[in-house]
Protein backbone atom coordinates (compact mmCIF):
# COMPACT_ATOMS: atom_id res chain seq x y z
CA MET A 1 -23.55 -5.58 -11.90
CA ALA A 2 -20.53 -6.14 -14.04
CA GLU A 3 -17.15 -7.09 -12.62
CA PHE A 4 -17.87 -6.44 -8.95
CA GLY A 5 -14.75 -7.32 -6.96
CA LYS A 6 -12.52 -7.35 -10.03
CA THR A 7 -10.22 -4.60 -11.23
CA ARG A 8 -11.99 -2.70 -13.96
CA LEU A 9 -9.17 -2.61 -16.50
CA TRP A 10 -11.49 -0.97 -19.03
CA LEU A 11 -11.92 1.97 -16.66
CA ILE A 12 -8.16 2.38 -16.35
CA LYS A 13 -7.97 2.35 -20.16
CA TYR A 14 -10.57 5.12 -20.45
CA ARG A 15 -8.73 7.12 -17.78
CA GLY A 16 -5.66 7.25 -20.03
CA ASP A 17 -3.11 9.80 -18.84
CA LEU A 18 -5.41 11.29 -16.21
CA THR A 19 -4.66 10.50 -12.58
CA GLN A 20 -7.28 9.08 -10.27
CA GLN A 21 -7.35 12.46 -8.53
CA GLN A 22 -8.01 14.31 -11.78
CA VAL A 23 -10.88 12.00 -12.72
CA ALA A 24 -12.35 12.22 -9.23
CA ASN A 25 -12.15 16.02 -9.23
CA LYS A 26 -13.86 16.27 -12.61
CA ALA A 27 -16.58 13.83 -11.51
CA GLY A 28 -17.09 15.56 -8.16
CA ILE A 29 -16.17 12.54 -6.03
CA SER A 30 -13.27 11.72 -3.71
CA ARG A 31 -10.15 10.05 -5.06
CA SER A 32 -10.55 7.20 -2.59
CA TYR A 33 -14.11 6.52 -3.78
CA TYR A 34 -12.96 6.57 -7.41
CA ALA A 35 -10.12 4.16 -6.53
CA GLU A 36 -12.65 1.79 -4.92
CA ILE A 37 -14.78 1.92 -8.09
CA GLU A 38 -11.77 1.36 -10.34
CA SER A 39 -10.56 -1.57 -8.26
CA GLY A 40 -14.03 -3.14 -8.36
CA ASN A 41 -14.56 -2.94 -4.60
CA LYS A 42 -17.51 -0.54 -4.99
CA ASN A 43 -20.12 0.02 -7.63
CA PRO A 44 -21.15 3.59 -8.35
CA GLY A 45 -24.69 4.80 -8.08
CA VAL A 46 -26.40 5.96 -11.26
CA LYS A 47 -25.54 9.63 -10.65
CA THR A 48 -21.84 8.86 -10.16
CA ALA A 49 -21.78 6.43 -13.10
CA LYS A 50 -23.19 9.17 -15.32
CA ARG A 51 -20.63 11.70 -14.05
CA LEU A 52 -17.75 9.30 -14.67
CA SER A 53 -19.02 8.44 -18.12
CA SER A 54 -19.25 12.13 -18.95
CA VAL A 55 -15.67 12.74 -17.81
CA LEU A 56 -14.20 9.65 -19.49
CA MET A 57 -16.62 9.47 -22.45
CA PHE A 58 -18.17 6.01 -22.26
CA ASP A 59 -21.69 4.58 -21.87
CA TRP A 60 -22.55 4.79 -18.17
CA THR A 61 -24.64 1.60 -18.29
CA ILE A 62 -21.47 -0.48 -18.65
CA PHE A 63 -21.30 -0.58 -14.85
CA TYR A 64 -24.58 -2.49 -14.77
CA LYS A 65 -24.05 -4.98 -17.59
CA SER A 66 -23.17 -8.55 -16.75
């Protein structure tokens, strides 16, 4: 899985002006879980990856590319 344990700067870029809370709300996850994903401390499951990609408009498989 790509970038595990590293801050996912690309995810912050896609987030743009949205707050972590706003992204989390739209994706149906907690802000703390989203923060863990963004910081690279957790990898999302497929369902969550797809939700995040829908909210932020990117290819969900990016989480699983090395």
